[in-house]
Amino acid sequence: MHLALIIAVAIGGAGGAVSRFLLSSLISSQGGGTFPWGTVVVNLTGSFLLAFVMGLSERLSLSPETRSLITVGFLGAFTTFSTLTYETLTLLREGDYLPALLYSGGQLVCGLVAAAAGFLTARIVWYALSGRI
């Protein structure tokens, strides 16, 4: 493994973690209640962006360092499965069974939809940039 690849992932990870913290904090401060909307927004945005980047990278010549910086580093640190599971557990422990089910199941289903939308958007952008639209 090359040092440049490791550094790229580390830089992307730092940016992704800070971005997640800021966006999640902003969303949480705007909404009331205890439902973890910040995590929902972060994970769905990350699902869309990962599929978008991967869809474009099939057509573009991204270096392994650039692709890893964005996908593994930034988006890997931006999204958060561990927070999803912990917040689901918290909802369950508080007896909020339906919100826990909707929160965890909803993110899976909506995450797949967001990823499909990201991939489709990448295709549309690629065709638009190549003059095929």
C-alpha atoms as a PDB file:
ATOM      1  CA  MET A   1       0.000   0.000   0.000  1.00  0.00           C
ATOM      2  CA  HIS A   2       1.352   3.400  -0.957  1.00  0.00           C
ATOM      3  CA  LEU A   3       1.829   6.196   1.543  1.00  0.00           C
ATOM      4  CA  ALA A   4       0.044   8.663  -0.769  1.00  0.00           C
ATOM      5  CA  LEU A   5      -3.096   6.512  -0.638  1.00  0.00           C
ATOM      6  CA  ILE A   6      -3.003   6.364   3.165  1.00  0.00           C
ATOM      7  CA  ILE A   7      -2.506  10.130   3.406  1.00  0.00           C
ATOM      8  CA  ALA A   8      -5.389  10.734   0.975  1.00  0.00           C
ATOM      9  CA  VAL A   9      -7.740   8.590   3.074  1.00  0.00           C
ATOM     10  CA  ALA A  10      -6.618  10.364   6.263  1.00  0.00           C
ATOM     11  CA  ILE A  11      -7.193  13.829   4.780  1.00  0.00           C
ATOM     12  CA  GLY A  12     -10.581  12.818   3.400  1.00  0.00           C
ATOM     13  CA  GLY A  13     -11.513  11.218   6.712  1.00  0.00           C
ATOM     14  CA  ALA A  14     -10.714  14.373   8.656  1.00  0.00           C
ATOM     15  CA  GLY A  15     -12.841  16.461   6.307  1.00  0.00           C
ATOM     16  CA  GLY A  16     -15.699  13.971   6.380  1.00  0.00           C
ATOM     17  CA  ALA A  17     -15.753  13.700  10.161  1.00  0.00           C
ATOM     18  CA  VAL A  18     -15.782  17.473  10.636  1.00  0.00           C
ATOM     19  CA  SER A  19     -18.466  17.865   7.956  1.00  0.00           C
ATOM     20  CA  ARG A  20     -20.623  15.200   9.615  1.00  0.00           C
ATOM     21  CA  PHE A  21     -20.270  16.876  12.992  1.00  0.00           C
ATOM     22  CA  LEU A  22     -21.186  20.310  11.620  1.00  0.00           C
ATOM     23  CA  LEU A  23     -24.135  19.173   9.485  1.00  0.00           C
ATOM     24  CA  SER A  24     -25.536  16.838  12.122  1.00  0.00           C
ATOM     25  CA  SER A  25     -25.210  19.526  14.801  1.00  0.00           C
ATOM     26  CA  LEU A  26     -26.918  22.087  12.571  1.00  0.00           C
ATOM     27  CA  ILE A  27     -29.830  19.758  11.763  1.00  0.00           C
ATOM     28  CA  SER A  28     -30.217  18.675  15.385  1.00  0.00           C
ATOM     29  CA  SER A  29     -30.198  22.271  16.643  1.00  0.00           C
ATOM     30  CA  GLN A  30     -32.978  23.234  14.206  1.00  0.00           C
ATOM     31  CA  GLY A  31     -35.353  20.421  15.082  1.00  0.00           C
ATOM     32  CA  GLY A  32     -37.041  19.737  18.327  1.00  0.00           C
ATOM     33  CA  GLY A  33     -37.514  16.437  20.047  1.00  0.00           C
ATOM     34  CA  THR A  34     -35.187  13.525  20.440  1.00  0.00           C
ATOM     35  CA  PHE A  35     -35.470  11.919  16.998  1.00  0.00           C
ATOM     36  CA  PRO A  36     -31.960  11.847  15.448  1.00  0.00           C
ATOM     37  CA  TRP A  37     -32.691  13.775  12.228  1.00  0.00           C
ATOM     38  CA  GLY A  38     -29.047  14.861  11.920  1.00  0.00           C
ATOM     39  CA  THR A  39     -27.889  11.279  11.446  1.00  0.00           C
ATOM     40  CA  VAL A  40     -30.677  10.601   8.948  1.00  0.00           C
ATOM     41  CA  VAL A  41     -29.697  13.592   6.800  1.00  0.00           C
ATOM     42  CA  VAL A  42     -25.993  12.745   6.983  1.00  0.00           C
ATOM     43  CA  ASN A  43     -26.460   9.079   6.062  1.00  0.00           C
ATOM     44  CA  LEU A  44     -28.874   9.728   3.187  1.00  0.00           C
ATOM     45  CA  THR A  45     -26.672  12.509   1.802  1.00  0.00           C
ATOM     46  CA  GLY A  46     -23.650  10.230   2.062  1.00  0.00           C
ATOM     47  CA  SER A  47     -25.483   7.381   0.303  1.00  0.00           C
ATOM     48  CA  PHE A  48     -26.399   9.689  -2.571  1.00  0.00           C
ATOM     49  CA  LEU A  49     -22.890  11.156  -2.838  1.00  0.00           C
ATOM     50  CA  LEU A  50     -21.088   7.808  -2.705  1.00  0.00           C
ATOM     51  CA  ALA A  51     -23.177   6.379  -5.535  1.00  0.00           C
ATOM     52  CA  PHE A  52     -22.818   9.651  -7.477  1.00  0.00           C
ATOM     53  CA  VAL A  53     -19.020   9.634  -7.162  1.00  0.00           C
ATOM     54  CA  MET A  54     -18.757   5.931  -7.998  1.00  0.00           C
ATOM     55  CA  GLY A  55     -21.091   6.394 -10.969  1.00  0.00           C
ATOM     56  CA  LEU A  56     -18.955   9.232 -12.312  1.00  0.00           C
ATOM     57  CA  SER A  57     -15.703   7.442 -11.558  1.00  0.00           C
ATOM     58  CA  GLU A  58     -16.745   4.657 -13.920  1.00  0.00           C
ATOM     59  CA  ARG A  59     -16.491   7.243 -16.703  1.00  0.00           C
ATOM     60  CA  LEU A  60     -13.757   9.560 -15.424  1.00  0.00           C
ATOM     61  CA  SER A  61     -10.111   8.822 -14.864  1.00  0.00           C
ATOM     62  CA  LEU A  62      -9.818   9.384 -11.140  1.00  0.00           C
ATOM     63  CA  SER A  63      -6.549   8.373  -9.556  1.00  0.00           C
ATOM     64  CA  PRO A  64      -6.771   5.753  -6.804  1.00  0.00           C
ATOM     65  CA  GLU A  65      -5.754   8.466  -4.326  1.00  0.00           C
ATOM     66  CA  THR A  66      -8.512  10.847  -5.414  1.00  0.00           C
ATOM     67  CA  ARG A  67     -11.186   8.162  -5.429  1.00  0.00           C
ATOM     68  CA  SER A  68     -10.069   6.880  -2.005  1.00  0.00           C
ATOM     69  CA  LEU A  69      -9.880  10.397  -0.553  1.00  0.00           C
ATOM     70  CA  ILE A  70     -13.508  11.020  -1.541  1.00  0.00           C
ATOM     71  CA  THR A  71     -15.094   7.593  -1.003  1.00  0.00           C
ATOM     72  CA  VAL A  72     -13.211   5.797   1.763  1.00  0.00           C
ATOM     73  CA  GLY A  73     -11.909   8.913   3.494  1.00  0.00           C
ATOM     74  CA  PHE A  74     -14.473  11.710   3.247  1.00  0.00           C
ATOM     75  CA  LEU A  75     -17.698   9.756   2.731  1.00  0.00           C
ATOM     76  CA  GLY A  76     -16.606   6.886   4.982  1.00  0.00           C
ATOM     77  CA  ALA A  77     -16.081   9.330   7.847  1.00  0.00           C
ATOM     78  CA  PHE A  78     -19.110  11.438   6.870  1.00  0.00           C
ATOM     79  CA  THR A  79     -21.644   8.617   7.130  1.00  0.00           C
ATOM     80  CA  THR A  80     -22.065   6.744  10.359  1.00  0.00           C
ATOM     81  CA  PHE A  81     -23.404   3.243  10.800  1.00  0.00           C
ATOM     82  CA  SER A  82     -22.276   3.071  14.420  1.00  0.00           C
ATOM     83  CA  THR A  83     -24.315   6.153  15.323  1.00  0.00           C
ATOM     84  CA  LEU A  84     -27.337   4.695  13.523  1.00  0.00           C
ATOM     85  CA  THR A  85     -27.143   1.498  15.568  1.00  0.00           C
ATOM     86  CA  TYR A  86     -26.537   3.301  18.862  1.00  0.00           C
ATOM     87  CA  GLU A  87     -29.403   5.734  18.322  1.00  0.00           C
ATOM     88  CA  THR A  88     -31.684   2.828  17.390  1.00  0.00           C
ATOM     89  CA  LEU A  89     -30.679   1.086  20.612  1.00  0.00           C
ATOM     90  CA  THR A  90     -31.377   4.283  22.567  1.00  0.00           C
ATOM     91  CA  LEU A  91     -34.865   4.538  21.057  1.00  0.00           C
ATOM     92  CA  LEU A  92     -35.510   0.871  21.919  1.00  0.00           C
ATOM     93  CA  ARG A  93     -34.303   1.328  25.495  1.00  0.00           C
ATOM     94  CA  GLU A  94     -36.674   4.281  25.877  1.00  0.00           C
ATOM     95  CA  GLY A  95     -39.576   2.126  24.687  1.00  0.00           C
ATOM     96  CA  ASP A  96     -39.922   3.982  21.382  1.00  0.00           C
ATOM     97  CA  TYR A  97     -40.297   0.803  19.335  1.00  0.00           C
ATOM     98  CA  LEU A  98     -42.071   2.201  16.284  1.00  0.00           C
ATOM     99  CA  PRO A  99     -39.699   5.183  15.922  1.00  0.00           C
ATOM    100  CA  ALA A 100     -36.749   2.772  16.292  1.00  0.00           C
ATOM    101  CA  LEU A 101     -38.104   0.544  13.531  1.00  0.00           C
ATOM    102  CA  LEU A 102     -38.875   3.491  11.258  1.00  0.00           C
ATOM    103  CA  TYR A 103     -35.477   5.052  11.976  1.00  0.00           C
ATOM    104  CA  SER A 104     -33.368   1.983  11.229  1.00  0.00           C
ATOM    105  CA  GLY A 105     -35.511   0.439   8.494  1.00  0.00           C
ATOM    106  CA  GLY A 106     -36.269   3.789   6.936  1.00  0.00           C
ATOM    107  CA  GLN A 107     -32.599   4.642   6.601  1.00  0.00           C
ATOM    108  CA  LEU A 108     -31.893   1.349   4.867  1.00  0.00           C
ATOM    109  CA  VAL A 109     -34.725   1.748   2.367  1.00  0.00           C
ATOM    110  CA  CYS A 110     -34.233   5.480   1.853  1.00  0.00           C
ATOM    111  CA  GLY A 111     -30.463   4.976   1.665  1.00  0.00           C
ATOM    112  CA  LEU A 112     -30.923   2.552  -1.217  1.00  0.00           C
ATOM    113  CA  VAL A 113     -33.221   5.028  -2.963  1.00  0.00           C
ATOM    114  CA  ALA A 114     -30.698   7.836  -2.381  1.00  0.00           C
ATOM    115  CA  ALA A 115     -27.880   5.669  -3.749  1.00  0.00           C
ATOM    116  CA  ALA A 116     -29.908   4.806  -6.850  1.00  0.00           C
ATOM    117  CA  ALA A 117     -30.703   8.501  -7.333  1.00  0.00           C
ATOM    118  CA  GLY A 118     -27.022   9.372  -6.943  1.00  0.00           C
ATOM    119  CA  PHE A 119     -25.973   6.806  -9.517  1.00  0.00           C
ATOM    120  CA  LEU A 120     -28.674   7.944 -11.952  1.00  0.00           C
ATOM    121  CA  THR A 121     -27.703  11.588 -11.434  1.00  0.00           C
ATOM    122  CA  ALA A 122     -24.074  10.717 -12.196  1.00  0.00           C
ATOM    123  CA  ARG A 123     -25.159   9.117 -15.468  1.00  0.00           C
ATOM    124  CA  ILE A 124     -27.227  12.166 -16.411  1.00  0.00           C
ATOM    125  CA  VAL A 125     -24.345  14.516 -15.569  1.00  0.00           C
ATOM    126  CA  TRP A 126     -21.919  12.395 -17.574  1.00  0.00           C
ATOM    127  CA  TYR A 127     -24.156  12.372 -20.631  1.00  0.00           C
ATOM    128  CA  ALA A 128     -24.792  16.113 -20.301  1.00  0.00           C
ATOM    129  CA  LEU A 129     -21.070  16.860 -20.059  1.00  0.00           C
ATOM    130  CA  SER A 130     -20.272  14.638 -23.020  1.00  0.00           C
ATOM    131  CA  GLY A 131     -22.889  16.403 -25.159  1.00  0.00           C
ATOM    132  CA  ARG A 132     -25.208  13.414 -25.452  1.00  0.00           C
ATOM    133  CA  ILE A 133     -28.159  15.276 -23.942  1.00  0.00           C
END
